[in-house]
Amino acid sequence: MLTLTLKDWLPNACRLSVVRRDPQPVFPPHKHEFSEVVIVTGGNGLHVTGPESWQLSAGDVFVISCGRMHEYKDLNDLTLINILFDPGKLNLQLADLSSVPGYHALFALEPVWRKRHQFNSRLRLSLGELATVQGMVDELERELEKRQPGFGFQSTALFMQIVGDLSRAYSRTKSSDSRALLRCAEAIAHLESHFAEPMSLDQLAGLANMSKRSFIRLFQAATGNPPIARLIQVRLSFAAKLLRHTDKTITEIAYEAGFSDSNYFARQFRKEIGLSPRTYRAQSTL
């Protein structure tokens, strides 16, 4: 089993790389220690993951997650741009992108539902959109090649611009399968951006237009956690930031982060972080 490693394919500090396949050569089945955004720029062929295969053509964009075995077959002048990235780095740079449903749909939900939707929920760029994204990729590639001082910052900023543009493009898609994913993505975005408000599983499932059982299953497959566990994580992350950077009391921080009980907040904080809120604040100011 061939595994492409971070060490060999993403040796730079910003953990980003652009790999052009023009055309895509025959390559054995493989998986990665990193993720990649695949942008199909021309020709056609099959993308194969295990027993499933899907036809590709210019304008198709999809994400291949870490550890997913795949290959390309029946190549007919298929040309690709692969943007390789370390998901950990991406998570550090999200800012308010988590409020864009297309981001969650493209990077988390579509890979999970690919088999169910037979790849019909993939992002498909128009010729104009494809040309715009290719121009951004050209800038990213130049920055990575020149490696001038500050290239890590510039490269990360350019990559996030591409991610943001693709996420917005997905939010504009009209296919029924894509809209179904976007409804679920809207629920995730609502959780991420309104975490301090009272929130229930019924409310989130309603936003996704799904049963609670189906929503929980899809949410956990896409994010790795059930919805309520993720909500608690987001609240605790916000609370930790307030503990580090403000003089607010622990009770004030608990309520501002969305917890109605400061004792419950303290228990959850210790469980997740391994320290009490008071000890965490003290150690963060050393």
C-alpha atoms as a PDB file:
ATOM      1  CA  MET A   1       0.000   0.000   0.000  1.00  0.00           C
ATOM      2  CA  LEU A   2       1.596   3.272  -1.165  1.00  0.00           C
ATOM      3  CA  THR A   3       1.449   6.168   1.317  1.00  0.00           C
ATOM      4  CA  LEU A   4       2.563   9.694   0.365  1.00  0.00           C
ATOM      5  CA  THR A   5       4.145  11.274   3.442  1.00  0.00           C
ATOM      6  CA  LEU A   6       4.246  14.803   4.829  1.00  0.00           C
ATOM      7  CA  LYS A   7       8.030  14.617   4.935  1.00  0.00           C
ATOM      8  CA  ASP A   8       8.366  13.929   1.213  1.00  0.00           C
ATOM      9  CA  TRP A   9       5.505  16.019  -0.188  1.00  0.00           C
ATOM     10  CA  LEU A  10       5.151  18.941   2.232  1.00  0.00           C
ATOM     11  CA  PRO A  11       8.672  19.675   3.465  1.00  0.00           C
ATOM     12  CA  ASN A  12       8.215  23.452   3.849  1.00  0.00           C
ATOM     13  CA  ALA A  13       7.222  25.068   7.126  1.00  0.00           C
ATOM     14  CA  CYS A  14       3.789  26.217   5.916  1.00  0.00           C
ATOM     15  CA  ARG A  15       2.871  22.654   4.866  1.00  0.00           C
ATOM     16  CA  LEU A  16       1.538  23.669   1.448  1.00  0.00           C
ATOM     17  CA  SER A  17       2.384  22.519  -2.058  1.00  0.00           C
ATOM     18  CA  VAL A  18       0.977  22.846  -5.573  1.00  0.00           C
ATOM     19  CA  VAL A  19       1.343  19.783  -7.807  1.00  0.00           C
ATOM     20  CA  ARG A  20       0.240  20.057 -11.440  1.00  0.00           C
ATOM     21  CA  ARG A  21      -0.664  16.943 -13.418  1.00  0.00           C
ATOM     22  CA  ASP A  22      -0.677  18.048 -17.065  1.00  0.00           C
ATOM     23  CA  PRO A  23      -1.634  15.448 -18.020  1.00  0.00           C
ATOM     24  CA  GLN A  24      -2.319  13.156 -15.079  1.00  0.00           C
ATOM     25  CA  PRO A  25      -0.029  10.097 -15.474  1.00  0.00           C
ATOM     26  CA  VAL A  26      -0.927   6.547 -14.550  1.00  0.00           C
ATOM     27  CA  PHE A  27      -0.264   6.298 -10.808  1.00  0.00           C
ATOM     28  CA  PRO A  28      -0.827   3.307  -8.489  1.00  0.00           C
ATOM     29  CA  PRO A  29      -3.523   3.354  -5.795  1.00  0.00           C
ATOM     30  CA  HIS A  30      -2.296   5.455  -2.890  1.00  0.00           C
ATOM     31  CA  LYS A  31      -3.247   7.443   0.200  1.00  0.00           C
ATOM     32  CA  HIS A  32      -1.769  10.546   1.863  1.00  0.00           C
ATOM     33  CA  GLU A  33      -0.682  11.750   5.271  1.00  0.00           C
ATOM     34  CA  PHE A  34      -2.114  15.096   4.141  1.00  0.00           C
ATOM     35  CA  SER A  35      -5.268  16.333   2.428  1.00  0.00           C
ATOM     36  CA  GLU A  36      -5.580  17.849  -1.020  1.00  0.00           C
ATOM     37  CA  VAL A  37      -7.899  20.052  -3.029  1.00  0.00           C
ATOM     38  CA  VAL A  38      -8.251  18.646  -6.547  1.00  0.00           C
ATOM     39  CA  ILE A  39      -9.154  21.058  -9.352  1.00  0.00           C
ATOM     40  CA  VAL A  40      -9.852  19.430 -12.739  1.00  0.00           C
ATOM     41  CA  THR A  41      -8.684  21.799 -15.485  1.00  0.00           C
ATOM     42  CA  GLY A  42      -9.226  19.697 -18.617  1.00  0.00           C
ATOM     43  CA  GLY A  43      -9.858  16.328 -20.237  1.00  0.00           C
ATOM     44  CA  ASN A  44     -11.719  13.582 -18.458  1.00  0.00           C
ATOM     45  CA  GLY A  45     -11.199  10.340 -16.558  1.00  0.00           C
ATOM     46  CA  LEU A  46     -12.374   8.324 -13.586  1.00  0.00           C
ATOM     47  CA  HIS A  47     -11.635   9.034  -9.949  1.00  0.00           C
ATOM     48  CA  VAL A  48     -11.565   5.663  -8.165  1.00  0.00           C
ATOM     49  CA  THR A  49     -11.904   5.142  -4.407  1.00  0.00           C
ATOM     50  CA  GLY A  50     -12.215   1.461  -3.532  1.00  0.00           C
ATOM     51  CA  PRO A  51     -15.156  -0.084  -5.429  1.00  0.00           C
ATOM     52  CA  GLU A  52     -16.601   3.317  -6.410  1.00  0.00           C
ATOM     53  CA  SER A  53     -15.595   5.425  -9.410  1.00  0.00           C
ATOM     54  CA  TRP A  54     -16.816   8.772 -10.723  1.00  0.00           C
ATOM     55  CA  GLN A  55     -16.388  10.579 -14.015  1.00  0.00           C
ATOM     56  CA  LEU A  56     -14.332  13.786 -13.926  1.00  0.00           C
ATOM     57  CA  SER A  57     -14.344  16.765 -16.283  1.00  0.00           C
ATOM     58  CA  ALA A  58     -13.073  20.354 -16.353  1.00  0.00           C
ATOM     59  CA  GLY A  59     -14.397  22.499 -13.508  1.00  0.00           C
ATOM     60  CA  ASP A  60     -14.847  19.664 -11.010  1.00  0.00           C
ATOM     61  CA  VAL A  61     -13.415  20.432  -7.562  1.00  0.00           C
ATOM     62  CA  PHE A  62     -13.297  18.043  -4.620  1.00  0.00           C
ATOM     63  CA  VAL A  63     -11.310  17.310  -1.482  1.00  0.00           C
ATOM     64  CA  ILE A  64      -9.397  14.114  -0.729  1.00  0.00           C
ATOM     65  CA  SER A  65      -8.976  13.631   3.006  1.00  0.00           C
ATOM     66  CA  CYS A  66      -5.994  12.156   4.845  1.00  0.00           C
ATOM     67  CA  GLY A  67      -5.837   8.384   4.639  1.00  0.00           C
ATOM     68  CA  ARG A  68      -8.332   7.901   1.774  1.00  0.00           C
ATOM     69  CA  MET A  69      -7.123   5.401  -0.833  1.00  0.00           C
ATOM     70  CA  HIS A  70      -7.698   6.545  -4.423  1.00  0.00           C
ATOM     71  CA  GLU A  71      -6.413   6.531  -7.998  1.00  0.00           C
ATOM     72  CA  TYR A  72      -7.332   7.754 -11.497  1.00  0.00           C
ATOM     73  CA  LYS A  73      -8.257   5.491 -14.429  1.00  0.00           C
ATOM     74  CA  ASP A  74      -9.470   5.674 -18.051  1.00  0.00           C
ATOM     75  CA  LEU A  75      -7.451   8.838 -18.555  1.00  0.00           C
ATOM     76  CA  ASN A  76      -8.293  10.973 -21.578  1.00  0.00           C
ATOM     77  CA  ASP A  77      -5.960  13.997 -21.411  1.00  0.00           C
ATOM     78  CA  LEU A  78      -7.060  14.515 -17.796  1.00  0.00           C
ATOM     79  CA  THR A  79      -5.291  17.536 -16.289  1.00  0.00           C
ATOM     80  CA  LEU A  80      -5.376  18.383 -12.584  1.00  0.00           C
ATOM     81  CA  ILE A  81      -4.127  20.904 -10.077  1.00  0.00           C
ATOM     82  CA  ASN A  82      -3.559  19.372  -6.642  1.00  0.00           C
ATOM     83  CA  ILE A  83      -3.133  21.701  -3.678  1.00  0.00           C
ATOM     84  CA  LEU A  84      -1.624  19.637  -0.871  1.00  0.00           C
ATOM     85  CA  PHE A  85      -2.146  20.903   2.664  1.00  0.00           C
ATOM     86  CA  ASP A  86      -1.894  19.905   6.306  1.00  0.00           C
ATOM     87  CA  PRO A  87      -5.420  20.081   7.809  1.00  0.00           C
ATOM     88  CA  GLY A  88      -3.986  21.175  11.149  1.00  0.00           C
ATOM     89  CA  LYS A  89      -2.645  24.329   9.539  1.00  0.00           C
ATOM     90  CA  LEU A  90      -5.983  24.994   7.866  1.00  0.00           C
ATOM     91  CA  ASN A  91      -7.847  24.769  11.164  1.00  0.00           C
ATOM     92  CA  LEU A  92      -5.569  27.410  12.663  1.00  0.00           C
ATOM     93  CA  GLN A  93      -6.489  29.946   9.972  1.00  0.00           C
ATOM     94  CA  LEU A  94     -10.283  29.677   9.693  1.00  0.00           C
ATOM     95  CA  ALA A  95     -11.292  33.000  11.308  1.00  0.00           C
ATOM     96  CA  ASP A  96     -14.949  33.575  10.275  1.00  0.00           C
ATOM     97  CA  LEU A  97     -14.840  31.092   7.378  1.00  0.00           C
ATOM     98  CA  SER A  98     -16.674  28.676   9.664  1.00  0.00           C
ATOM     99  CA  SER A  99     -19.766  30.865   9.140  1.00  0.00           C
ATOM    100  CA  VAL A 100     -19.772  30.056   5.386  1.00  0.00           C
ATOM    101  CA  PRO A 101     -21.911  26.944   4.707  1.00  0.00           C
ATOM    102  CA  GLY A 102     -20.010  26.174   1.506  1.00  0.00           C
ATOM    103  CA  TYR A 103     -16.823  25.620   3.503  1.00  0.00           C
ATOM    104  CA  HIS A 104     -18.378  22.874   5.620  1.00  0.00           C
ATOM    105  CA  ALA A 105     -20.096  21.378   2.566  1.00  0.00           C
ATOM    106  CA  LEU A 106     -16.943  21.216   0.440  1.00  0.00           C
ATOM    107  CA  PHE A 107     -14.354  20.219   3.039  1.00  0.00           C
ATOM    108  CA  ALA A 108     -16.355  18.065   5.476  1.00  0.00           C
ATOM    109  CA  LEU A 109     -19.726  16.938   4.150  1.00  0.00           C
ATOM    110  CA  GLU A 110     -19.204  16.182   0.449  1.00  0.00           C
ATOM    111  CA  PRO A 111     -16.378  13.668   1.078  1.00  0.00           C
ATOM    112  CA  VAL A 112     -18.632  11.836   3.562  1.00  0.00           C
ATOM    113  CA  TRP A 113     -21.696  11.803   1.278  1.00  0.00           C
ATOM    114  CA  ARG A 114     -19.798  11.214  -1.979  1.00  0.00           C
ATOM    115  CA  LYS A 115     -20.920   7.604  -2.306  1.00  0.00           C
ATOM    116  CA  ARG A 116     -24.518   8.348  -1.333  1.00  0.00           C
ATOM    117  CA  HIS A 117     -24.780  11.202  -3.839  1.00  0.00           C
ATOM    118  CA  GLN A 118     -22.749   9.426  -6.538  1.00  0.00           C
ATOM    119  CA  PHE A 119     -20.459  12.482  -6.725  1.00  0.00           C
ATOM    120  CA  ASN A 120     -23.384  14.682  -7.831  1.00  0.00           C
ATOM    121  CA  SER A 121     -22.834  16.999  -4.861  1.00  0.00           C
ATOM    122  CA  ARG A 122     -19.295  17.906  -5.946  1.00  0.00           C
ATOM    123  CA  LEU A 123     -18.394  21.514  -6.686  1.00  0.00           C
ATOM    124  CA  ARG A 124     -18.564  22.342 -10.390  1.00  0.00           C
ATOM    125  CA  LEU A 125     -16.983  25.659 -11.388  1.00  0.00           C
ATOM    126  CA  SER A 126     -18.025  27.638 -14.445  1.00  0.00           C
ATOM    127  CA  LEU A 127     -15.312  28.498 -16.969  1.00  0.00           C
ATOM    128  CA  GLY A 128     -15.047  31.986 -15.480  1.00  0.00           C
ATOM    129  CA  GLU A 129     -14.824  30.673 -11.926  1.00  0.00           C
ATOM    130  CA  LEU A 130     -12.234  28.102 -12.980  1.00  0.00           C
ATOM    131  CA  ALA A 131     -10.089  30.787 -14.631  1.00  0.00           C
ATOM    132  CA  THR A 132     -10.253  32.925 -11.469  1.00  0.00           C
ATOM    133  CA  VAL A 133      -9.183  30.050  -9.237  1.00  0.00           C
ATOM    134  CA  GLN A 134      -6.366  29.088 -11.614  1.00  0.00           C
ATOM    135  CA  GLY A 135      -5.044  32.646 -11.365  1.00  0.00           C
ATOM    136  CA  MET A 136      -4.992  32.360  -7.567  1.00  0.00           C
ATOM    137  CA  VAL A 137      -3.194  29.020  -7.783  1.00  0.00           C
ATOM    138  CA  ASP A 138      -0.583  30.594 -10.094  1.00  0.00           C
ATOM    139  CA  GLU A 139       0.122  33.229  -7.427  1.00  0.00           C
ATOM    140  CA  LEU A 140       0.378  30.579  -4.708  1.00  0.00           C
ATOM    141  CA  GLU A 141       2.753  28.490  -6.788  1.00  0.00           C
ATOM    142  CA  ARG A 142       5.007  31.483  -7.503  1.00  0.00           C
ATOM    143  CA  GLU A 143       5.175  32.329  -3.807  1.00  0.00           C
ATOM    144  CA  LEU A 144       6.082  28.759  -2.878  1.00  0.00           C
ATOM    145  CA  GLU A 145       8.764  28.584  -5.586  1.00  0.00           C
ATOM    146  CA  LYS A 146      10.458  31.917  -4.817  1.00  0.00           C
ATOM    147  CA  ARG A 147      10.560  31.279  -1.045  1.00  0.00           C
ATOM    148  CA  GLN A 148      11.278  34.923  -0.257  1.00  0.00           C
ATOM    149  CA  PRO A 149      11.251  36.082   3.385  1.00  0.00           C
ATOM    150  CA  GLY A 150       7.693  35.826   4.661  1.00  0.00           C
ATOM    151  CA  PHE A 151       6.689  33.240   2.057  1.00  0.00           C
ATOM    152  CA  GLY A 152       5.020  31.081   4.700  1.00  0.00           C
ATOM    153  CA  PHE A 153       2.646  33.871   5.672  1.00  0.00           C
ATOM    154  CA  GLN A 154       1.996  34.910   2.064  1.00  0.00           C
ATOM    155  CA  SER A 155       1.439  31.322   0.918  1.00  0.00           C
ATOM    156  CA  THR A 156      -0.980  30.601   3.747  1.00  0.00           C
ATOM    157  CA  ALA A 157      -2.895  33.797   2.973  1.00  0.00           C
ATOM    158  CA  LEU A 158      -3.140  32.875  -0.718  1.00  0.00           C
ATOM    159  CA  PHE A 159      -4.270  29.347   0.108  1.00  0.00           C
ATOM    160  CA  MET A 160      -6.962  30.657   2.433  1.00  0.00           C
ATOM    161  CA  GLN A 161      -8.112  33.021  -0.324  1.00  0.00           C
ATOM    162  CA  ILE A 162      -8.532  29.997  -2.602  1.00  0.00           C
ATOM    163  CA  VAL A 163     -10.378  28.082   0.115  1.00  0.00           C
ATOM    164  CA  GLY A 164     -12.659  31.059   0.716  1.00  0.00           C
ATOM    165  CA  ASP A 165     -13.392  31.496  -2.997  1.00  0.00           C
ATOM    166  CA  LEU A 166     -14.200  27.805  -3.456  1.00  0.00           C
ATOM    167  CA  SER A 167     -16.362  27.831  -0.321  1.00  0.00           C
ATOM    168  CA  ARG A 168     -18.361  30.777  -1.637  1.00  0.00           C
ATOM    169  CA  ALA A 169     -18.684  29.077  -5.009  1.00  0.00           C
ATOM    170  CA  TYR A 170     -20.116  25.983  -3.339  1.00  0.00           C
ATOM    171  CA  SER A 171     -22.624  28.148  -1.471  1.00  0.00           C
ATOM    172  CA  ARG A 172     -23.912  29.331  -4.885  1.00  0.00           C
ATOM    173  CA  THR A 173     -24.464  25.842  -6.338  1.00  0.00           C
ATOM    174  CA  LYS A 174     -27.970  24.895  -7.449  1.00  0.00           C
ATOM    175  CA  SER A 175     -28.060  21.097  -7.783  1.00  0.00           C
ATOM    176  CA  SER A 176     -30.485  19.304  -5.476  1.00  0.00           C
ATOM    177  CA  ASP A 177     -27.756  17.116  -3.952  1.00  0.00           C
ATOM    178  CA  SER A 178     -25.532  20.130  -3.278  1.00  0.00           C
ATOM    179  CA  ARG A 179     -28.424  22.055  -1.744  1.00  0.00           C
ATOM    180  CA  ALA A 180     -29.096  19.119   0.572  1.00  0.00           C
ATOM    181  CA  LEU A 181     -25.502  19.294   1.803  1.00  0.00           C
ATOM    182  CA  LEU A 182     -25.719  23.053   2.165  1.00  0.00           C
ATOM    183  CA  ARG A 183     -28.732  22.763   4.454  1.00  0.00           C
ATOM    184  CA  CYS A 184     -26.674  20.568   6.768  1.00  0.00           C
ATOM    185  CA  ALA A 185     -23.703  22.909   6.349  1.00  0.00           C
ATOM    186  CA  GLU A 186     -25.901  25.828   7.381  1.00  0.00           C
ATOM    187  CA  ALA A 187     -26.663  24.014  10.634  1.00  0.00           C
ATOM    188  CA  ILE A 188     -22.944  23.493  11.269  1.00  0.00           C
ATOM    189  CA  ALA A 189     -22.204  27.138  10.427  1.00  0.00           C
ATOM    190  CA  HIS A 190     -24.980  28.227  12.786  1.00  0.00           C
ATOM    191  CA  LEU A 191     -23.445  26.172  15.591  1.00  0.00           C
ATOM    192  CA  GLU A 192     -19.979  27.620  14.938  1.00  0.00           C
ATOM    193  CA  SER A 193     -21.086  31.256  14.800  1.00  0.00           C
ATOM    194  CA  HIS A 194     -23.980  31.307  17.343  1.00  0.00           C
ATOM    195  CA  PHE A 195     -22.469  28.991  19.938  1.00  0.00           C
ATOM    196  CA  ALA A 196     -23.157  31.363  22.846  1.00  0.00           C
ATOM    197  CA  GLU A 197     -26.908  31.293  22.214  1.00  0.00           C
ATOM    198  CA  PRO A 198     -29.279  28.646  23.598  1.00  0.00           C
ATOM    199  CA  MET A 199     -29.169  25.762  21.131  1.00  0.00           C
ATOM    200  CA  SER A 200     -30.790  22.340  20.903  1.00  0.00           C
ATOM    201  CA  LEU A 201     -30.335  19.270  18.778  1.00  0.00           C
ATOM    202  CA  ASP A 202     -33.915  19.693  17.527  1.00  0.00           C
ATOM    203  CA  GLN A 203     -33.075  23.200  16.331  1.00  0.00           C
ATOM    204  CA  LEU A 204     -29.923  22.120  14.492  1.00  0.00           C
ATOM    205  CA  ALA A 205     -31.601  19.119  12.853  1.00  0.00           C
ATOM    206  CA  GLY A 206     -34.441  21.415  11.791  1.00  0.00           C
ATOM    207  CA  LEU A 207     -31.998  23.811  10.114  1.00  0.00           C
ATOM    208  CA  ALA A 208     -30.527  20.831   8.238  1.00  0.00           C
ATOM    209  CA  ASN A 209     -34.026  19.613   7.318  1.00  0.00           C
ATOM    210  CA  MET A 210     -33.094  16.175   8.635  1.00  0.00           C
ATOM    211  CA  SER A 211     -34.193  13.809  11.363  1.00  0.00           C
ATOM    212  CA  LYS A 212     -32.152  14.038  14.553  1.00  0.00           C
ATOM    213  CA  ARG A 213     -30.756  10.562  13.994  1.00  0.00           C
ATOM    214  CA  SER A 214     -29.626  11.273  10.429  1.00  0.00           C
ATOM    215  CA  PHE A 215     -28.190  14.656  11.388  1.00  0.00           C
ATOM    216  CA  ILE A 216     -26.177  13.226  14.273  1.00  0.00           C
ATOM    217  CA  ARG A 217     -24.790  10.470  12.063  1.00  0.00           C
ATOM    218  CA  LEU A 218     -23.764  12.832   9.264  1.00  0.00           C
ATOM    219  CA  PHE A 219     -22.397  15.487  11.629  1.00  0.00           C
ATOM    220  CA  GLN A 220     -20.215  12.958  13.455  1.00  0.00           C
ATOM    221  CA  ALA A 221     -18.952  11.424  10.207  1.00  0.00           C
ATOM    222  CA  ALA A 222     -18.015  14.866   8.897  1.00  0.00           C
ATOM    223  CA  THR A 223     -16.536  16.454  12.022  1.00  0.00           C
ATOM    224  CA  GLY A 224     -15.555  13.530  14.241  1.00  0.00           C
ATOM    225  CA  ASN A 225     -17.878  14.558  17.080  1.00  0.00           C
ATOM    226  CA  PRO A 226     -21.628  14.545  17.803  1.00  0.00           C
ATOM    227  CA  PRO A 227     -23.260  18.007  17.499  1.00  0.00           C
ATOM    228  CA  ILE A 228     -23.592  18.740  21.231  1.00  0.00           C
ATOM    229  CA  ALA A 229     -20.021  17.610  21.943  1.00  0.00           C
ATOM    230  CA  ARG A 230     -18.824  19.949  19.171  1.00  0.00           C
ATOM    231  CA  LEU A 231     -20.897  22.789  20.617  1.00  0.00           C
ATOM    232  CA  ILE A 232     -19.245  22.306  23.999  1.00  0.00           C
ATOM    233  CA  GLN A 233     -15.791  22.271  22.350  1.00  0.00           C
ATOM    234  CA  VAL A 234     -16.473  25.562  20.556  1.00  0.00           C
ATOM    235  CA  ARG A 235     -17.750  27.162  23.756  1.00  0.00           C
ATOM    236  CA  LEU A 236     -14.736  25.974  25.739  1.00  0.00           C
ATOM    237  CA  SER A 237     -12.325  27.229  23.072  1.00  0.00           C
ATOM    238  CA  PHE A 238     -13.947  30.664  23.257  1.00  0.00           C
ATOM    239  CA  ALA A 239     -13.868  30.573  27.057  1.00  0.00           C
ATOM    240  CA  ALA A 240     -10.162  29.683  27.031  1.00  0.00           C
ATOM    241  CA  LYS A 241      -9.485  32.712  24.838  1.00  0.00           C
ATOM    242  CA  LEU A 242     -11.319  34.962  27.301  1.00  0.00           C
ATOM    243  CA  LEU A 243      -9.388  33.453  30.209  1.00  0.00           C
ATOM    244  CA  ARG A 244      -6.098  34.246  28.448  1.00  0.00           C
ATOM    245  CA  HIS A 245      -6.911  37.753  27.276  1.00  0.00           C
ATOM    246  CA  THR A 246      -9.437  39.313  29.674  1.00  0.00           C
ATOM    247  CA  ASP A 247      -9.864  39.966  33.388  1.00  0.00           C
ATOM    248  CA  LYS A 248     -13.512  38.855  33.412  1.00  0.00           C
ATOM    249  CA  THR A 249     -14.580  36.577  36.224  1.00  0.00           C
ATOM    250  CA  ILE A 250     -14.953  32.871  35.584  1.00  0.00           C
ATOM    251  CA  THR A 251     -18.722  33.158  36.061  1.00  0.00           C
ATOM    252  CA  GLU A 252     -18.903  36.005  33.521  1.00  0.00           C
ATOM    253  CA  ILE A 253     -16.854  33.985  31.039  1.00  0.00           C
ATOM    254  CA  ALA A 254     -19.033  30.915  31.510  1.00  0.00           C
ATOM    255  CA  TYR A 255     -22.193  32.853  30.672  1.00  0.00           C
ATOM    256  CA  GLU A 256     -20.576  34.711  27.777  1.00  0.00           C
ATOM    257  CA  ALA A 257     -19.451  31.394  26.261  1.00  0.00           C
ATOM    258  CA  GLY A 258     -22.985  30.003  26.421  1.00  0.00           C
ATOM    259  CA  PHE A 259     -22.960  28.018  29.666  1.00  0.00           C
ATOM    260  CA  SER A 260     -25.889  28.677  32.009  1.00  0.00           C
ATOM    261  CA  ASP A 261     -24.128  27.075  34.989  1.00  0.00           C
ATOM    262  CA  SER A 262     -20.594  28.113  35.967  1.00  0.00           C
ATOM    263  CA  ASN A 263     -20.011  24.885  37.913  1.00  0.00           C
ATOM    264  CA  TYR A 264     -20.934  22.800  34.857  1.00  0.00           C
ATOM    265  CA  PHE A 265     -18.614  25.014  32.794  1.00  0.00           C
ATOM    266  CA  ALA A 266     -15.751  24.366  35.218  1.00  0.00           C
ATOM    267  CA  ARG A 267     -16.307  20.597  35.101  1.00  0.00           C
ATOM    268  CA  GLN A 268     -16.407  20.539  31.307  1.00  0.00           C
ATOM    269  CA  PHE A 269     -13.336  22.784  31.094  1.00  0.00           C
ATOM    270  CA  ARG A 270     -11.313  20.502  33.361  1.00  0.00           C
ATOM    271  CA  LYS A 271     -12.495  17.438  31.414  1.00  0.00           C
ATOM    272  CA  GLU A 272     -11.495  18.939  28.041  1.00  0.00           C
ATOM    273  CA  ILE A 273      -8.404  21.005  28.960  1.00  0.00           C
ATOM    274  CA  GLY A 274      -7.127  19.038  31.940  1.00  0.00           C
ATOM    275  CA  LEU A 275      -6.994  22.099  34.215  1.00  0.00           C
ATOM    276  CA  SER A 276      -9.512  24.140  36.139  1.00  0.00           C
ATOM    277  CA  PRO A 277     -10.344  27.518  34.542  1.00  0.00           C
ATOM    278  CA  ARG A 278      -8.546  29.305  37.392  1.00  0.00           C
ATOM    279  CA  THR A 279      -5.366  27.220  37.039  1.00  0.00           C
ATOM    280  CA  TYR A 280      -5.451  27.564  33.245  1.00  0.00           C
ATOM    281  CA  ARG A 281      -5.631  31.359  33.548  1.00  0.00           C
ATOM    282  CA  ALA A 282      -2.784  31.430  36.045  1.00  0.00           C
ATOM    283  CA  GLN A 283      -0.503  29.270  33.894  1.00  0.00           C
ATOM    284  CA  SER A 284      -1.368  31.240  30.737  1.00  0.00           C
ATOM    285  CA  THR A 285      -0.119  34.471  32.297  1.00  0.00           C
ATOM    286  CA  LEU A 286       3.249  33.110  33.426  1.00  0.00           C
END
